[in-house]
């Protein structure tokens, strides 16, 4: 069930328009973390990891491949709360910016249609 949300986010790889509901965002992040941990583990088991940082090529490649989908789903999630995608720049404010983005990702959808499209929940 939840893996479909992950695949749906990947289908919208370069899609920065529209809206993404909370479920899509959080399932994408859940599977993203799981796959990153698997890549990290494989790097360490295979001896490919950097001895200082413990990251290796599998972890880095996976992280780079999913950089754009991560950005796009965050922007679409911000659209769902009726905010512009530029709010993503809050992450550059140390500590508080990341907390603020986290809170915005937890907010419910704005009901009805907004300037970014119809409500993905169909409400």
C-alpha atoms as a PDB file:
ATOM      1  CA  UNK A   1       0.000   0.000   0.000  1.00  0.00           C
ATOM      2  CA  UNK A   2       2.544   2.590   1.083  1.00  0.00           C
ATOM      3  CA  UNK A   3       5.080   1.617  -1.559  1.00  0.00           C
ATOM      4  CA  UNK A   4       2.669   2.899  -4.216  1.00  0.00           C
ATOM      5  CA  UNK A   5       3.047   6.396  -2.733  1.00  0.00           C
ATOM      6  CA  UNK A   6       6.822   6.063  -3.085  1.00  0.00           C
ATOM      7  CA  UNK A   7       6.459   5.016  -6.723  1.00  0.00           C
ATOM      8  CA  UNK A   8       3.969   7.818  -7.350  1.00  0.00           C
ATOM      9  CA  UNK A   9       6.482  10.368  -6.078  1.00  0.00           C
ATOM     10  CA  UNK A  10       9.114   8.901  -8.405  1.00  0.00           C
ATOM     11  CA  UNK A  11       6.696   9.174 -11.333  1.00  0.00           C
ATOM     12  CA  UNK A  12       6.572  12.910 -10.608  1.00  0.00           C
ATOM     13  CA  UNK A  13      10.396  13.136 -10.674  1.00  0.00           C
ATOM     14  CA  UNK A  14      10.594  16.643 -12.188  1.00  0.00           C
ATOM     15  CA  UNK A  15       7.045  17.748 -11.378  1.00  0.00           C
ATOM     16  CA  UNK A  16       7.159  20.878  -9.238  1.00  0.00           C
ATOM     17  CA  UNK A  17       3.543  21.790 -10.010  1.00  0.00           C
ATOM     18  CA  UNK A  18       0.441  20.577  -8.284  1.00  0.00           C
ATOM     19  CA  UNK A  19      -0.068  19.293  -4.793  1.00  0.00           C
ATOM     20  CA  UNK A  20       1.076  16.298  -2.741  1.00  0.00           C
ATOM     21  CA  UNK A  21      -0.862  15.106   0.265  1.00  0.00           C
ATOM     22  CA  UNK A  22       0.732  14.236   3.588  1.00  0.00           C
ATOM     23  CA  UNK A  23       0.431  10.492   3.030  1.00  0.00           C
ATOM     24  CA  UNK A  24       2.378  10.677  -0.233  1.00  0.00           C
ATOM     25  CA  UNK A  25       5.102  12.794   1.367  1.00  0.00           C
ATOM     26  CA  UNK A  26       5.548  10.672   4.506  1.00  0.00           C
ATOM     27  CA  UNK A  27       5.483   7.307   2.735  1.00  0.00           C
ATOM     28  CA  UNK A  28       8.035   8.618   0.247  1.00  0.00           C
ATOM     29  CA  UNK A  29      10.256   9.750   3.112  1.00  0.00           C
ATOM     30  CA  UNK A  30       9.817   6.450   4.984  1.00  0.00           C
ATOM     31  CA  UNK A  31      10.908   4.346   2.014  1.00  0.00           C
ATOM     32  CA  UNK A  32      13.626   6.835   1.173  1.00  0.00           C
ATOM     33  CA  UNK A  33      15.149   6.415   4.651  1.00  0.00           C
ATOM     34  CA  UNK A  34      14.817   2.622   4.474  1.00  0.00           C
ATOM     35  CA  UNK A  35      16.620   2.485   1.105  1.00  0.00           C
ATOM     36  CA  UNK A  36      19.308   4.890   2.329  1.00  0.00           C
ATOM     37  CA  UNK A  37      19.926   2.663   5.363  1.00  0.00           C
ATOM     38  CA  UNK A  38      20.148  -0.398   3.112  1.00  0.00           C
ATOM     39  CA  UNK A  39      22.652   1.391   0.846  1.00  0.00           C
ATOM     40  CA  UNK A  40      24.648   2.524   3.883  1.00  0.00           C
ATOM     41  CA  UNK A  41      24.689  -1.032   5.263  1.00  0.00           C
ATOM     42  CA  UNK A  42      25.764  -2.507   1.929  1.00  0.00           C
ATOM     43  CA  UNK A  43      28.563   0.045   1.637  1.00  0.00           C
ATOM     44  CA  UNK A  44      29.841  -0.928   5.078  1.00  0.00           C
ATOM     45  CA  UNK A  45      29.437  -4.693   4.609  1.00  0.00           C
ATOM     46  CA  UNK A  46      31.193  -4.623   1.225  1.00  0.00           C
ATOM     47  CA  UNK A  47      34.004  -2.449   2.617  1.00  0.00           C
ATOM     48  CA  UNK A  48      33.253   0.411   0.240  1.00  0.00           C
ATOM     49  CA  UNK A  49      32.470   2.929   2.957  1.00  0.00           C
ATOM     50  CA  UNK A  50      34.802   5.753   3.855  1.00  0.00           C
ATOM     51  CA  UNK A  51      36.352   4.779   7.218  1.00  0.00           C
ATOM     52  CA  UNK A  52      35.825   8.274   8.634  1.00  0.00           C
ATOM     53  CA  UNK A  53      32.291   9.063   7.453  1.00  0.00           C
ATOM     54  CA  UNK A  54      30.977   5.507   6.918  1.00  0.00           C
ATOM     55  CA  UNK A  55      29.286   6.576   3.672  1.00  0.00           C
ATOM     56  CA  UNK A  56      30.086   4.853   0.430  1.00  0.00           C
ATOM     57  CA  UNK A  57      29.276   5.006  -3.270  1.00  0.00           C
ATOM     58  CA  UNK A  58      25.891   3.241  -3.057  1.00  0.00           C
ATOM     59  CA  UNK A  59      24.664   5.678  -0.423  1.00  0.00           C
ATOM     60  CA  UNK A  60      25.964   8.676  -2.354  1.00  0.00           C
ATOM     61  CA  UNK A  61      24.547   7.545  -5.702  1.00  0.00           C
ATOM     62  CA  UNK A  62      21.128   6.811  -4.218  1.00  0.00           C
ATOM     63  CA  UNK A  63      21.120  10.166  -2.436  1.00  0.00           C
ATOM     64  CA  UNK A  64      22.025  12.038  -5.616  1.00  0.00           C
ATOM     65  CA  UNK A  65      19.461  10.169  -7.720  1.00  0.00           C
ATOM     66  CA  UNK A  66      16.692  11.089  -5.295  1.00  0.00           C
ATOM     67  CA  UNK A  67      17.705  14.709  -4.715  1.00  0.00           C
ATOM     68  CA  UNK A  68      15.286  16.081  -7.342  1.00  0.00           C
ATOM     69  CA  UNK A  69      12.314  13.904  -6.270  1.00  0.00           C
ATOM     70  CA  UNK A  70      12.912  14.993  -2.659  1.00  0.00           C
ATOM     71  CA  UNK A  71      12.818  18.636  -3.667  1.00  0.00           C
ATOM     72  CA  UNK A  72       9.781  18.194  -5.902  1.00  0.00           C
ATOM     73  CA  UNK A  73       7.690  16.402  -3.288  1.00  0.00           C
ATOM     74  CA  UNK A  74       8.551  19.034  -0.670  1.00  0.00           C
ATOM     75  CA  UNK A  75       7.529  21.810  -3.074  1.00  0.00           C
ATOM     76  CA  UNK A  76       4.286  20.026  -3.956  1.00  0.00           C
ATOM     77  CA  UNK A  77       3.614  19.442  -0.251  1.00  0.00           C
ATOM     78  CA  UNK A  78       4.119  23.171   0.376  1.00  0.00           C
ATOM     79  CA  UNK A  79       1.666  23.861  -2.454  1.00  0.00           C
ATOM     80  CA  UNK A  80      -0.838  21.619  -0.700  1.00  0.00           C
ATOM     81  CA  UNK A  81      -0.664  23.906   2.326  1.00  0.00           C
ATOM     82  CA  UNK A  82      -1.124  26.904  -0.020  1.00  0.00           C
ATOM     83  CA  UNK A  83       2.484  28.089   0.205  1.00  0.00           C
ATOM     84  CA  UNK A  84       4.959  28.873  -2.554  1.00  0.00           C
ATOM     85  CA  UNK A  85       7.798  26.470  -3.249  1.00  0.00           C
ATOM     86  CA  UNK A  86      10.331  29.114  -2.239  1.00  0.00           C
ATOM     87  CA  UNK A  87       9.502  28.302   1.377  1.00  0.00           C
ATOM     88  CA  UNK A  88      11.878  25.362   0.923  1.00  0.00           C
ATOM     89  CA  UNK A  89      14.708  27.885   1.325  1.00  0.00           C
ATOM     90  CA  UNK A  90      13.896  27.931   5.041  1.00  0.00           C
ATOM     91  CA  UNK A  91      16.161  24.899   5.399  1.00  0.00           C
ATOM     92  CA  UNK A  92      19.125  27.256   5.062  1.00  0.00           C
ATOM     93  CA  UNK A  93      18.259  28.856   8.408  1.00  0.00           C
ATOM     94  CA  UNK A  94      20.219  26.747  10.908  1.00  0.00           C
ATOM     95  CA  UNK A  95      18.076  24.466  13.108  1.00  0.00           C
ATOM     96  CA  UNK A  96      14.934  26.634  13.144  1.00  0.00           C
ATOM     97  CA  UNK A  97      14.499  26.411   9.363  1.00  0.00           C
ATOM     98  CA  UNK A  98      14.453  22.612   9.355  1.00  0.00           C
ATOM     99  CA  UNK A  99      12.026  22.533  12.267  1.00  0.00           C
ATOM    100  CA  UNK A 100       9.793  25.033  10.481  1.00  0.00           C
ATOM    101  CA  UNK A 101       9.780  22.922   7.292  1.00  0.00           C
ATOM    102  CA  UNK A 102       8.973  19.829   9.376  1.00  0.00           C
ATOM    103  CA  UNK A 103       5.978  21.616  10.897  1.00  0.00           C
ATOM    104  CA  UNK A 104       4.811  22.699   7.439  1.00  0.00           C
ATOM    105  CA  UNK A 105       5.052  19.081   6.235  1.00  0.00           C
ATOM    106  CA  UNK A 106       2.808  18.038   9.132  1.00  0.00           C
ATOM    107  CA  UNK A 107       0.059  20.553   8.341  1.00  0.00           C
ATOM    108  CA  UNK A 108      -3.183  19.374   6.790  1.00  0.00           C
ATOM    109  CA  UNK A 109      -4.158  20.253   3.218  1.00  0.00           C
ATOM    110  CA  UNK A 110      -5.954  23.479   2.527  1.00  0.00           C
ATOM    111  CA  UNK A 111      -9.527  22.410   1.760  1.00  0.00           C
ATOM    112  CA  UNK A 112     -10.816  22.776  -1.760  1.00  0.00           C
ATOM    113  CA  UNK A 113      -8.928  24.018  -4.758  1.00  0.00           C
ATOM    114  CA  UNK A 114      -6.123  26.558  -4.456  1.00  0.00           C
ATOM    115  CA  UNK A 115      -3.908  28.257  -7.047  1.00  0.00           C
ATOM    116  CA  UNK A 116      -1.774  25.087  -7.297  1.00  0.00           C
ATOM    117  CA  UNK A 117      -4.655  22.780  -8.237  1.00  0.00           C
ATOM    118  CA  UNK A 118      -7.414  20.681  -6.773  1.00  0.00           C
ATOM    119  CA  UNK A 119      -7.122  19.088  -3.364  1.00  0.00           C
ATOM    120  CA  UNK A 120      -5.459  15.660  -3.831  1.00  0.00           C
ATOM    121  CA  UNK A 121      -7.757  14.237  -1.157  1.00  0.00           C
ATOM    122  CA  UNK A 122     -10.721  15.090  -3.352  1.00  0.00           C
ATOM    123  CA  UNK A 123     -12.277  17.278  -0.645  1.00  0.00           C
END
